[in-house]
Amino acid sequence: MRLGIRLQLLLALGALLALAFVPLFFAVASLTQATMGGVRASSARAIGRAIAGHVAAARATRTAPELSLLLEAQLGPDGASAIGVYDAAGALVDRAGEPEIAAALPASVEAGAEVLRAARTARGGAILVVVPEHARGEAAAPASGGGAARGEAAAGATPGGSVAVLVPTDPSTVPAAPLVRIVALYTGVMALGLLVFAYIAMTRLAVRPIDALSRAARRVAGGARDLEVPQAGARELAELGESLAHMTSRLRADEESLRAKIAEVERYAADLKSAQERLVRSERLASVGRLAAGLAHEIGNPIAAILGLQELLLAGGLTPAEERDFVERMKRETERIHKILRDLLDFARPAAGGAEEEPSGSVADALEDVLSLVAPQKAFRGVELERDVAPDVPPVPLSHGRLVQVLLNLLLNAADAVPREGGRVRVRASRGAGGGARIEVEDNGPGIAEAVRETLFEPFITTKEVGEGTGLGLAVCRGLVEAAGGAIGVERGAEGGARFVVALPAAGGREERGAPALRGDA
């Protein structure tokens, strides 16, 4: 689950506040502890010197029991925790305080020397203050005005000695915790306030406008025509919304233009397909006309024979056996004419199916039908027609009718190119290198001139005399072959004539289209 921009910014701001306030809090707490500790140490030194001076002054006027009571009276949680009295030699004479704390008092001190140093007791840290008696008046002055006067009056009555005082400085006695808690509370409240303010500001200035813009974009994706730009939010977001609205309108306009262009291209493609179909039909009809013209002599002879036999039958005087023989001859000639016309009509009949994908065709079957069509032609009389079809030639993605049209056109052109005597046309069909079919139609004519070989398959390009060809036959053949994913080319034949090569893919491999490679000129 991905976090939203608001939560991510809040987390980032919270981390930034933590990085800023946590070290600050600990710094303030440490500074407070150090300041309060310093103040406590200074207070402890002042308290210790005052108590030591007061006790030193009292030694001159009070007895030992009274002095012990005075020492006990000076002890307290906010004052001294232990007091020791030393003689002029620096030896400990008396002490007051709890035994575990008083044990921290030194057993002896240097006579006449004032000492101020840190010490350790069983309860924690403390300050040891040692005041000699000759400094009692100066030390006792801060205690009170009357005590200071009495100390000065008795200064010369007592021999030298010292008083030691332990004043606690343990951190537990320093009242810094309330101040630290106040600082912590202030820091937490400020951080929370900043987070709440940032949450509200981001919601109003960024999150709500972005959500509105996102909803508007989803409506456009769902089919809305225009992008409704939110008016609230920062200037940058408003400009972003206007840019998106402008982009949406541009995309809509481009979409409409693209749709119009697609419709136009589809219309042109349909027109082109229709023109191609008309061209194919026209070329088929032209081939039918050429076949019909060539069949005139082939049909005329049987009809003349039938008419002659009919006249003999009508004249009479024939035996029943002769009459039967004449009738059988008439039947054979009639069947011959019927077969020729049926083959011609089968070729001329338009193919059904429309725009659906054409069924695959057999090269061997198409070649068989083409040979039956051209065999009666006058142009093939005296022409040696060879056929070589390999048994492993696969079906090709070209319908039977269109395959017949391609082969018929190539054979008729070959017949026109070869000499009337000694002409030879060879048709070979084999399995191609890519698994498809390779069909070769080779003749021993004069061949194709180099000047027209590159443009031979263009429309209205012909090598025949004016009036003998339209120049559309080979162009139609190329269109049919390339539509099936194949290629057609021309080479120089082994005997110097032309060799037309048709390469077609196998019927199951049309998705691997792309003109199959043709062999170069021999």
Protein backbone atom coordinates (compact mmCIF):
# COMPACT_ATOMS: atom_id res chain seq x y z
CA MET A 1 0.00 0.00 0.00
CA ARG A 2 1.44 3.35 -1.05
CA LEU A 3 1.13 6.29 1.35
CA GLY A 4 -0.55 9.49 0.22
CA ILE A 5 1.31 12.75 -0.26
CA ARG A 6 -0.26 14.21 2.89
CA LEU A 7 0.86 11.37 5.14
CA GLN A 8 4.29 11.27 3.53
CA LEU A 9 4.79 15.01 4.11
CA LEU A 10 3.56 14.70 7.69
CA LEU A 11 5.96 11.86 8.35
CA ALA A 12 8.80 13.86 6.81
CA LEU A 13 7.87 16.94 8.87
CA GLY A 14 7.59 14.82 12.02
CA ALA A 15 11.03 13.36 11.40
CA LEU A 16 12.39 16.87 10.82
CA LEU A 17 10.82 18.13 14.07
CA ALA A 18 12.21 15.16 15.93
CA LEU A 19 15.67 15.87 14.56
CA ALA A 20 15.31 19.53 15.57
CA PHE A 21 13.56 19.32 18.97
CA VAL A 22 14.95 16.13 20.52
CA PRO A 23 18.59 17.30 20.51
CA LEU A 24 17.39 20.74 21.64
CA PHE A 25 15.46 19.20 24.53
CA PHE A 26 18.44 17.20 25.72
CA ALA A 27 20.68 20.25 25.34
CA VAL A 28 18.30 22.38 27.39
CA ALA A 29 17.94 19.63 30.00
CA SER A 30 21.71 19.23 30.27
CA LEU A 31 22.23 23.00 30.49
CA THR A 32 19.55 23.25 33.15
CA GLN A 33 21.12 20.43 35.14
CA ALA A 34 24.55 22.03 34.85
CA THR A 35 23.25 25.50 35.79
CA MET A 36 21.26 24.23 38.74
CA GLY A 37 24.23 22.14 39.86
CA GLY A 38 26.51 25.18 39.70
CA VAL A 39 24.03 27.26 41.65
CA ARG A 40 23.72 24.46 44.20
CA ALA A 41 27.51 24.19 44.54
CA SER A 42 27.83 27.95 45.06
CA SER A 43 25.06 27.88 47.65
CA ALA A 44 26.71 24.92 49.34
CA ARG A 45 30.00 26.77 49.61
CA ALA A 46 28.29 29.83 51.10
CA ILE A 47 26.24 27.73 53.56
CA GLY A 48 29.32 25.75 54.60
CA ARG A 49 31.42 28.85 55.26
CA ALA A 50 28.59 30.48 57.23
CA ILE A 51 27.97 27.40 59.40
CA ALA A 52 31.69 26.85 59.94
CA GLY A 53 32.16 30.47 61.00
CA HIS A 54 29.13 30.35 63.30
CA VAL A 55 30.30 27.15 65.01
CA ALA A 56 33.84 28.49 65.37
CA ALA A 57 32.49 31.61 67.05
CA ALA A 58 30.27 29.58 69.38
CA ARG A 59 33.22 27.53 70.63
CA ALA A 60 34.48 30.56 72.55
CA THR A 61 31.27 31.07 74.53
CA ARG A 62 29.69 27.62 74.89
CA THR A 63 30.53 24.45 76.73
CA ALA A 64 31.04 21.12 74.99
CA PRO A 65 27.44 19.85 75.59
CA GLU A 66 26.04 23.16 74.39
CA LEU A 67 28.33 23.05 71.38
CA SER A 68 27.11 19.53 70.49
CA LEU A 69 23.50 20.74 70.63
CA LEU A 70 24.45 23.65 68.40
CA LEU A 71 26.07 21.31 65.91
CA GLU A 72 22.95 19.13 65.77
CA ALA A 73 20.80 22.19 65.26
CA GLN A 74 22.83 23.22 62.22
CA LEU A 75 22.11 19.95 60.39
CA GLY A 76 19.22 19.75 57.87
CA PRO A 77 18.21 18.54 54.37
CA ASP A 78 18.78 21.97 52.88
CA GLY A 79 21.89 22.74 54.93
CA ALA A 80 24.83 20.81 56.32
CA SER A 81 24.73 17.04 56.48
CA ALA A 82 27.74 16.67 58.84
CA ILE A 83 29.87 19.06 60.97
CA GLY A 84 33.32 18.39 62.50
CA VAL A 85 35.27 20.44 65.08
CA TYR A 86 39.08 20.34 65.13
CA ASP A 87 41.58 21.59 67.72
CA ALA A 88 44.55 23.83 67.09
CA ALA A 89 46.63 20.85 65.97
CA GLY A 90 44.06 19.89 63.36
CA ALA A 91 42.77 16.77 65.17
CA LEU A 92 39.06 15.91 65.16
CA VAL A 93 37.48 16.84 68.50
CA ASP A 94 33.73 16.44 67.86
CA ARG A 95 31.36 15.77 65.02
CA ALA A 96 27.64 15.72 64.31
CA GLY A 97 25.54 14.05 61.65
CA GLU A 98 24.56 10.58 60.60
CA PRO A 99 27.46 8.17 61.10
CA GLU A 100 27.66 7.03 57.42
CA ILE A 101 27.76 10.66 56.30
CA ALA A 102 30.00 11.94 59.13
CA ALA A 103 32.49 9.23 58.23
CA ALA A 104 33.36 11.31 55.19
CA LEU A 105 34.81 14.06 57.42
CA PRO A 106 38.62 14.01 57.48
CA ALA A 107 40.26 12.73 60.66
CA SER A 108 42.55 15.74 60.68
CA VAL A 109 43.01 18.97 58.84
CA GLU A 110 45.88 21.33 58.31
CA ALA A 111 45.94 23.85 61.13
CA GLY A 112 45.17 27.38 60.06
CA ALA A 113 44.33 26.38 56.45
CA GLU A 114 40.99 27.04 54.76
CA VAL A 115 39.84 24.14 52.57
CA LEU A 116 37.05 24.05 49.93
CA ARG A 117 36.80 20.84 47.91
CA ALA A 118 34.38 18.20 46.65
CA ALA A 119 33.79 15.04 48.66
CA ARG A 120 31.85 11.80 48.46
CA THR A 121 29.50 10.52 51.16
CA ALA A 122 27.32 7.46 51.47
CA ARG A 123 24.40 9.57 50.14
CA GLY A 124 26.21 11.05 47.14
CA GLY A 125 28.27 14.13 46.31
CA ALA A 126 29.02 16.91 48.76
CA ILE A 127 31.29 19.93 49.32
CA LEU A 128 33.73 19.95 52.24
CA VAL A 129 34.30 23.43 53.73
CA VAL A 130 37.04 23.82 56.42
CA VAL A 131 37.25 27.24 58.11
CA PRO A 132 40.01 28.08 60.65
CA GLU A 133 38.98 30.02 63.76
CA HIS A 134 41.05 33.11 62.89
CA ALA A 135 38.77 33.58 59.86
CA ARG A 136 35.54 33.07 61.75
CA GLY A 137 34.61 36.74 61.87
CA GLU A 138 34.97 36.99 58.10
CA ALA A 139 33.23 33.70 57.57
CA ALA A 140 30.44 34.30 60.02
CA ALA A 141 29.57 37.69 58.60
CA PRO A 142 27.04 36.36 56.08
CA ALA A 143 25.16 34.41 58.79
CA SER A 144 23.56 37.33 60.65
CA GLY A 145 24.40 40.81 61.86
CA GLY A 146 24.27 40.01 65.62
CA GLY A 147 26.25 36.75 65.34
CA ALA A 148 28.98 38.55 63.39
CA ALA A 149 29.34 41.13 66.21
CA ARG A 150 29.65 38.45 68.87
CA GLY A 151 32.19 36.53 66.76
CA GLU A 152 34.35 39.66 66.44
CA ALA A 153 34.15 40.31 70.18
CA ALA A 154 35.32 36.77 71.07
CA ALA A 155 38.01 36.46 68.41
CA GLY A 156 40.91 36.83 70.76
CA ALA A 157 39.51 34.67 73.61
CA THR A 158 39.95 31.25 72.04
CA PRO A 159 43.11 29.55 70.82
CA GLY A 160 43.20 28.56 67.05
CA GLY A 161 41.13 25.63 65.75
CA SER A 162 39.06 24.67 62.66
CA VAL A 163 35.49 23.69 61.77
CA ALA A 164 34.62 21.36 58.84
CA VAL A 165 31.15 21.25 57.19
CA LEU A 166 29.78 18.77 54.60
CA VAL A 167 27.06 20.30 52.41
CA PRO A 168 25.28 17.81 49.99
CA THR A 169 25.27 18.57 46.26
CA ASP A 170 23.52 15.39 45.01
CA PRO A 171 21.49 15.96 41.81
CA SER A 172 18.35 14.71 43.57
CA THR A 173 18.54 17.78 45.74
CA VAL A 174 18.64 20.10 42.71
CA PRO A 175 15.04 21.08 41.67
CA ALA A 176 15.74 20.90 37.88
CA ALA A 177 13.15 18.21 36.99
CA PRO A 178 10.11 20.55 36.93
CA LEU A 179 11.88 22.94 34.60
CA VAL A 180 12.90 20.07 32.28
CA ARG A 181 9.32 18.79 32.24
CA ILE A 182 8.08 22.25 31.31
CA VAL A 183 10.57 22.40 28.45
CA ALA A 184 9.50 18.91 27.28
CA LEU A 185 5.81 19.86 27.42
CA TYR A 186 6.44 23.06 25.47
CA THR A 187 8.44 21.19 22.84
CA GLY A 188 5.77 18.48 22.42
CA VAL A 189 2.92 21.01 22.19
CA MET A 190 4.81 23.06 19.59
CA ALA A 191 5.62 19.98 17.50
CA LEU A 192 2.01 18.76 17.64
CA GLY A 193 0.73 22.22 16.73
CA LEU A 194 3.06 22.40 13.76
CA LEU A 195 1.93 18.96 12.56
CA VAL A 196 -1.76 19.87 12.86
CA PHE A 197 -1.18 23.17 11.08
CA ALA A 198 0.78 21.42 8.33
CA TYR A 199 -1.99 18.80 7.95
CA ILE A 200 -4.70 21.42 7.56
CA ALA A 201 -2.60 23.58 5.22
CA MET A 202 -1.62 20.67 2.99
CA THR A 203 -5.21 19.43 2.86
CA ARG A 204 -6.60 22.78 1.75
CA LEU A 205 -3.76 23.92 -0.49
CA ALA A 206 -2.54 20.70 -2.13
CA VAL A 207 -4.39 17.48 -1.35
CA ARG A 208 -7.94 18.57 -2.13
CA PRO A 209 -7.03 20.29 -5.45
CA ILE A 210 -4.95 17.27 -6.49
CA ASP A 211 -7.81 14.89 -5.61
CA ALA A 212 -10.23 17.05 -7.62
CA LEU A 213 -7.83 17.07 -10.56
CA SER A 214 -7.43 13.29 -10.32
CA ARG A 215 -11.21 12.77 -10.33
CA ALA A 216 -11.54 15.05 -13.35
CA ALA A 217 -8.84 13.06 -15.16
CA ARG A 218 -10.65 9.79 -14.39
CA ARG A 219 -13.86 11.26 -15.81
CA VAL A 220 -12.00 12.16 -18.99
CA ALA A 221 -10.61 8.62 -19.14
CA GLY A 222 -14.18 7.35 -18.74
CA GLY A 223 -15.37 9.28 -21.79
CA ALA A 224 -15.90 12.90 -20.69
CA ARG A 225 -15.06 15.40 -23.40
CA ASP A 226 -13.60 18.19 -21.21
CA LEU A 227 -11.38 18.32 -18.12
CA GLU A 228 -12.98 20.32 -15.28
CA VAL A 229 -10.14 22.28 -13.67
CA PRO A 230 -10.51 22.87 -9.88
CA GLN A 231 -10.35 26.57 -8.93
CA ALA A 232 -9.07 26.10 -5.36
CA GLY A 233 -5.48 25.45 -4.39
CA ALA A 234 -2.12 27.03 -5.01
CA ARG A 235 -1.23 28.91 -8.18
CA GLU A 236 1.03 26.11 -9.40
CA LEU A 237 -1.78 23.56 -9.09
CA ALA A 238 -4.18 25.87 -10.93
CA GLU A 239 -1.64 26.26 -13.73
CA LEU A 240 -1.15 22.48 -13.80
CA GLY A 241 -4.89 21.98 -14.14
CA GLU A 242 -5.08 24.49 -17.00
CA SER A 243 -2.18 22.73 -18.74
CA LEU A 244 -3.90 19.36 -18.36
CA ALA A 245 -7.16 20.80 -19.69
CA HIS A 246 -5.34 22.22 -22.71
CA MET A 247 -3.56 18.89 -23.25
CA THR A 248 -6.90 17.05 -23.01
CA SER A 249 -8.49 19.28 -25.63
CA ARG A 250 -5.47 18.82 -27.90
CA LEU A 251 -5.63 15.04 -27.44
CA ARG A 252 -9.34 15.04 -28.24
CA ALA A 253 -8.71 17.06 -31.38
CA ASP A 254 -5.86 14.74 -32.39
CA GLU A 255 -8.10 11.74 -31.71
CA GLU A 256 -10.81 13.13 -33.96
CA SER A 257 -8.25 13.88 -36.65
CA LEU A 258 -6.79 10.38 -36.32
CA ARG A 259 -10.24 8.81 -36.54
CA ALA A 260 -10.94 10.81 -39.69
CA LYS A 261 -7.61 9.74 -41.19
CA ILE A 262 -8.23 6.10 -40.28
CA ALA A 263 -11.66 6.24 -41.89
CA GLU A 264 -10.11 7.83 -44.98
CA VAL A 265 -7.38 5.18 -45.13
CA GLU A 266 -9.98 2.43 -44.75
CA ARG A 267 -12.01 3.98 -47.55
CA TYR A 268 -8.93 4.20 -49.76
CA ALA A 269 -8.02 0.60 -48.90
CA ALA A 270 -11.52 -0.54 -49.82
CA ASP A 271 -11.35 1.41 -53.08
CA LEU A 272 -7.92 -0.02 -53.84
CA LYS A 273 -9.12 -3.55 -53.11
CA SER A 274 -12.13 -3.00 -55.32
CA ALA A 275 -9.90 -1.65 -58.10
CA GLN A 276 -7.58 -4.62 -57.72
CA GLU A 277 -10.50 -7.00 -57.92
CA ARG A 278 -11.74 -5.26 -61.06
CA LEU A 279 -8.26 -5.42 -62.54
CA VAL A 280 -8.02 -9.12 -61.78
CA ARG A 281 -11.43 -9.72 -63.37
CA SER A 282 -10.46 -7.66 -66.40
CA GLU A 283 -7.27 -9.63 -66.86
CA ARG A 284 -9.21 -12.86 -66.41
CA LEU A 285 -11.64 -11.79 -69.11
CA ALA A 286 -8.71 -10.84 -71.34
CA SER A 287 -7.28 -14.31 -70.82
CA VAL A 288 -10.68 -15.78 -71.62
CA GLY A 289 -10.72 -13.78 -74.83
CA ARG A 290 -7.26 -15.04 -75.78
CA LEU A 291 -8.36 -18.61 -75.04
CA ALA A 292 -11.59 -18.18 -76.99
CA ALA A 293 -9.72 -16.81 -79.97
CA GLY A 294 -7.34 -19.74 -79.85
CA LEU A 295 -10.20 -22.23 -79.58
CA ALA A 296 -11.97 -21.06 -82.75
CA HIS A 297 -9.99 -23.44 -84.96
CA GLU A 298 -10.08 -26.22 -82.36
CA ILE A 299 -13.88 -26.05 -82.21
CA GLY A 300 -14.39 -25.33 -85.90
CA ASN A 301 -12.88 -28.64 -87.08
CA PRO A 302 -15.13 -30.89 -84.92
CA ILE A 303 -18.21 -28.85 -85.93
CA ALA A 304 -17.32 -29.23 -89.64
CA ALA A 305 -16.90 -32.97 -89.12
CA ILE A 306 -20.27 -33.18 -87.34
CA LEU A 307 -21.99 -31.28 -90.14
CA GLY A 308 -20.49 -33.59 -92.75
CA LEU A 309 -21.58 -36.70 -90.87
CA GLN A 310 -25.08 -35.27 -90.48
CA GLU A 311 -25.31 -34.67 -94.24
CA LEU A 312 -24.29 -38.28 -94.91
CA LEU A 313 -26.91 -39.52 -92.49
CA LEU A 314 -29.57 -37.34 -94.08
CA ALA A 315 -28.64 -38.56 -97.58
CA GLY A 316 -29.48 -42.10 -96.51
CA GLY A 317 -28.38 -45.36 -98.13
CA LEU A 318 -26.19 -46.33 -95.15
CA THR A 319 -26.24 -49.61 -93.40
CA PRO A 320 -27.23 -49.69 -89.73
CA ALA A 321 -23.58 -50.33 -88.76
CA GLU A 322 -22.41 -47.31 -90.74
CA GLU A 323 -25.12 -45.14 -89.24
CA ARG A 324 -24.11 -46.21 -85.71
CA ASP A 325 -20.46 -45.47 -86.50
CA PHE A 326 -21.34 -42.00 -87.76
CA VAL A 327 -23.44 -41.26 -84.67
CA GLU A 328 -20.62 -42.39 -82.34
CA ARG A 329 -18.17 -40.14 -84.21
CA MET A 330 -20.56 -37.23 -83.86
CA LYS A 331 -20.84 -37.96 -80.13
CA ARG A 332 -17.06 -38.01 -79.65
CA GLU A 333 -16.65 -34.71 -81.49
CA THR A 334 -19.50 -33.19 -79.47
CA GLU A 335 -17.94 -34.34 -76.16
CA ARG A 336 -14.63 -32.89 -77.29
CA ILE A 337 -16.27 -29.51 -77.92
CA HIS A 338 -18.14 -29.76 -74.59
CA LYS A 339 -14.95 -30.43 -72.64
CA ILE A 340 -13.15 -27.49 -74.25
CA LEU A 341 -16.00 -25.10 -73.51
CA ARG A 342 -16.48 -26.42 -69.96
CA ASP A 343 -12.79 -25.83 -69.13
CA LEU A 344 -13.05 -22.34 -70.56
CA LEU A 345 -16.21 -21.56 -68.56
CA ASP A 346 -14.71 -22.95 -65.37
CA PHE A 347 -11.78 -20.59 -65.75
CA ALA A 348 -13.97 -17.60 -66.69
CA ARG A 349 -16.40 -18.15 -63.76
CA PRO A 350 -15.65 -15.56 -60.99
CA ALA A 351 -14.41 -16.92 -57.67
CA ALA A 352 -16.78 -16.79 -54.70
CA GLY A 353 -15.91 -15.81 -51.17
CA GLY A 354 -15.60 -12.03 -51.26
CA ALA A 355 -13.31 -10.53 -48.63
CA GLU A 356 -12.88 -13.74 -46.65
CA GLU A 357 -9.51 -15.38 -46.54
CA GLU A 358 -8.96 -17.49 -49.61
CA PRO A 359 -8.65 -21.24 -49.26
CA SER A 360 -5.34 -22.88 -49.99
CA GLY A 361 -4.66 -24.22 -53.45
CA SER A 362 -2.80 -27.22 -54.81
CA VAL A 363 -0.05 -26.46 -57.30
CA ALA A 364 -0.41 -29.86 -58.99
CA ASP A 365 -4.20 -29.51 -59.45
CA ALA A 366 -3.91 -25.97 -60.76
CA LEU A 367 -1.19 -26.98 -63.22
CA GLU A 368 -3.33 -29.88 -64.42
CA ASP A 369 -6.24 -27.54 -65.15
CA VAL A 370 -3.98 -25.00 -66.87
CA LEU A 371 -2.50 -27.66 -69.16
CA SER A 372 -5.98 -28.83 -70.11
CA LEU A 373 -6.86 -25.22 -70.98
CA VAL A 374 -3.79 -24.52 -73.13
CA ALA A 375 -3.58 -27.92 -74.83
CA PRO A 376 -6.24 -27.09 -77.48
CA GLN A 377 -4.73 -23.68 -78.15
CA LYS A 378 -3.33 -23.00 -81.60
CA ALA A 379 -0.33 -21.25 -80.02
CA PHE A 380 0.79 -24.53 -78.42
CA ARG A 381 0.72 -26.57 -81.63
CA GLY A 382 4.22 -27.61 -82.36
CA VAL A 383 5.38 -26.49 -78.89
CA GLU A 384 6.90 -29.12 -76.62
CA LEU A 385 5.30 -28.73 -73.19
CA GLU A 386 7.15 -30.41 -70.31
CA ARG A 387 5.82 -30.82 -66.83
CA ASP A 388 7.77 -31.75 -63.67
CA VAL A 389 5.89 -31.59 -60.36
CA ALA A 390 7.55 -32.92 -57.21
CA PRO A 391 5.30 -34.98 -54.92
CA ASP A 392 6.20 -33.00 -51.79
CA VAL A 393 5.00 -29.57 -52.98
CA PRO A 394 2.84 -28.18 -50.14
CA PRO A 395 -0.47 -26.34 -50.57
CA VAL A 396 -0.08 -22.58 -50.95
CA PRO A 397 -2.19 -19.69 -49.56
CA LEU A 398 -3.57 -18.85 -53.00
CA SER A 399 -6.97 -20.04 -54.16
CA HIS A 400 -7.21 -22.55 -56.97
CA GLY A 401 -8.74 -20.04 -59.38
CA ARG A 402 -6.08 -17.38 -58.81
CA LEU A 403 -3.30 -19.93 -58.97
CA VAL A 404 -4.69 -21.09 -62.32
CA GLN A 405 -4.83 -17.47 -63.51
CA VAL A 406 -1.15 -16.87 -62.60
CA LEU A 407 0.08 -20.09 -64.27
CA LEU A 408 -2.11 -19.59 -67.33
CA ASN A 409 -0.76 -16.09 -67.89
CA LEU A 410 2.84 -17.27 -67.61
CA LEU A 411 2.23 -20.21 -70.00
CA LEU A 412 0.44 -18.05 -72.59
CA ASN A 413 3.30 -15.53 -72.48
CA ALA A 414 5.81 -18.36 -72.89
CA ALA A 415 3.90 -19.72 -75.88
CA ASP A 416 3.95 -16.28 -77.50
CA ALA A 417 7.73 -16.02 -76.98
CA VAL A 418 8.91 -19.42 -78.32
CA PRO A 419 9.34 -20.12 -82.03
CA ARG A 420 6.55 -21.99 -83.83
CA GLU A 421 8.87 -24.81 -84.74
CA GLY A 422 11.06 -26.30 -82.03
CA GLY A 423 9.54 -24.25 -79.26
CA ARG A 424 9.81 -25.69 -75.77
CA VAL A 425 8.12 -24.66 -72.53
CA ARG A 426 9.07 -26.35 -69.26
CA VAL A 427 7.03 -26.12 -66.03
CA ARG A 428 8.64 -27.28 -62.79
CA ALA A 429 7.18 -27.24 -59.27
CA SER A 430 9.24 -28.17 -56.21
CA ARG A 431 9.49 -27.56 -52.51
CA GLY A 432 11.21 -24.26 -51.76
CA ALA A 433 14.08 -23.61 -49.37
CA GLY A 434 11.74 -22.14 -46.72
CA GLY A 435 9.26 -25.02 -46.87
CA GLY A 436 6.96 -23.35 -49.40
CA ALA A 437 6.45 -23.94 -53.11
CA ARG A 438 8.73 -22.88 -56.00
CA ILE A 439 7.23 -22.80 -59.49
CA GLU A 440 9.35 -22.21 -62.59
CA VAL A 441 8.02 -21.53 -66.11
CA GLU A 442 10.93 -21.57 -68.57
CA ASP A 443 10.96 -21.19 -72.34
CA ASN A 444 13.60 -21.24 -75.08
CA GLY A 445 12.55 -17.93 -76.58
CA PRO A 446 14.71 -14.82 -76.98
CA GLY A 447 14.52 -13.94 -73.29
CA ILE A 448 13.84 -10.60 -71.57
CA ALA A 449 15.89 -7.56 -72.48
CA GLU A 450 17.88 -5.99 -69.66
CA ALA A 451 16.25 -2.62 -70.31
CA VAL A 452 12.78 -3.85 -69.31
CA ARG A 453 13.67 -6.57 -66.80
CA GLU A 454 13.50 -4.24 -63.77
CA THR A 455 10.12 -2.80 -64.81
CA LEU A 456 8.65 -5.92 -66.36
CA PHE A 457 6.07 -6.38 -63.59
CA GLU A 458 4.89 -2.76 -63.64
CA PRO A 459 1.47 -2.03 -65.19
CA PHE A 460 1.32 -1.40 -68.95
CA ILE A 461 4.86 -2.71 -69.52
CA THR A 462 4.91 -5.25 -72.38
CA THR A 463 7.43 -6.73 -74.80
CA LYS A 464 4.80 -7.60 -77.41
CA GLU A 465 3.87 -5.69 -80.49
CA VAL A 466 1.36 -2.88 -80.27
CA GLY A 467 -2.16 -4.30 -80.03
CA GLU A 468 -1.03 -7.75 -78.92
CA GLY A 469 -0.81 -7.11 -75.19
CA THR A 470 -2.08 -4.71 -72.52
CA GLY A 471 0.87 -4.97 -70.16
CA LEU A 472 -1.37 -5.87 -67.22
CA GLY A 473 -0.95 -9.65 -67.10
CA LEU A 474 2.35 -9.78 -65.21
CA ALA A 475 1.32 -6.85 -62.96
CA VAL A 476 -1.81 -8.78 -61.96
CA CYS A 477 0.26 -11.91 -61.39
CA ARG A 478 2.61 -10.00 -59.10
CA GLY A 479 -0.32 -8.53 -57.16
CA LEU A 480 -1.88 -11.95 -56.62
CA VAL A 481 1.40 -13.58 -55.61
CA GLU A 482 2.47 -10.80 -53.22
CA ALA A 483 -1.00 -10.72 -51.65
CA ALA A 484 -0.42 -14.36 -50.70
CA GLY A 485 2.95 -13.49 -49.13
CA GLY A 486 5.06 -14.69 -52.05
CA ALA A 487 7.29 -13.20 -54.70
CA ILE A 488 7.64 -13.42 -58.45
CA GLY A 489 10.73 -12.72 -60.52
CA VAL A 490 12.38 -13.41 -63.84
CA GLU A 491 15.77 -14.96 -64.62
CA ARG A 492 17.74 -15.91 -67.66
CA GLY A 493 16.92 -19.49 -68.63
CA ALA A 494 19.40 -22.27 -69.30
CA GLU A 495 18.73 -22.08 -73.06
CA GLY A 496 18.85 -18.28 -73.19
CA GLY A 497 15.13 -17.76 -72.81
CA ALA A 498 13.16 -16.42 -69.86
CA ARG A 499 12.55 -18.27 -66.62
CA PHE A 500 9.75 -16.91 -64.45
CA VAL A 501 10.01 -18.01 -60.81
CA VAL A 502 7.07 -17.90 -58.40
CA ALA A 503 7.88 -18.50 -54.72
CA LEU A 504 4.93 -19.01 -52.38
CA PRO A 505 4.88 -19.87 -48.67
CA ALA A 506 3.15 -22.97 -47.36
CA ALA A 507 -0.54 -22.57 -46.60
CA GLY A 508 0.01 -22.89 -42.83
CA GLY A 509 2.87 -20.34 -42.70
CA ARG A 510 1.27 -17.11 -43.92
CA GLU A 511 2.20 -15.39 -40.65
CA GLU A 512 5.84 -15.74 -41.73
CA ARG A 513 5.28 -13.72 -44.87
CA GLY A 514 7.97 -11.71 -46.48
CA ALA A 515 9.07 -12.30 -50.02
CA PRO A 516 10.91 -15.60 -50.26
CA ALA A 517 14.38 -15.33 -51.70
CA LEU A 518 14.64 -15.81 -55.45
CA ARG A 519 17.71 -17.13 -57.19
CA GLY A 520 19.72 -14.63 -59.23
CA ASP A 521 20.16 -14.69 -62.96
CA ALA A 522 21.65 -17.86 -64.38
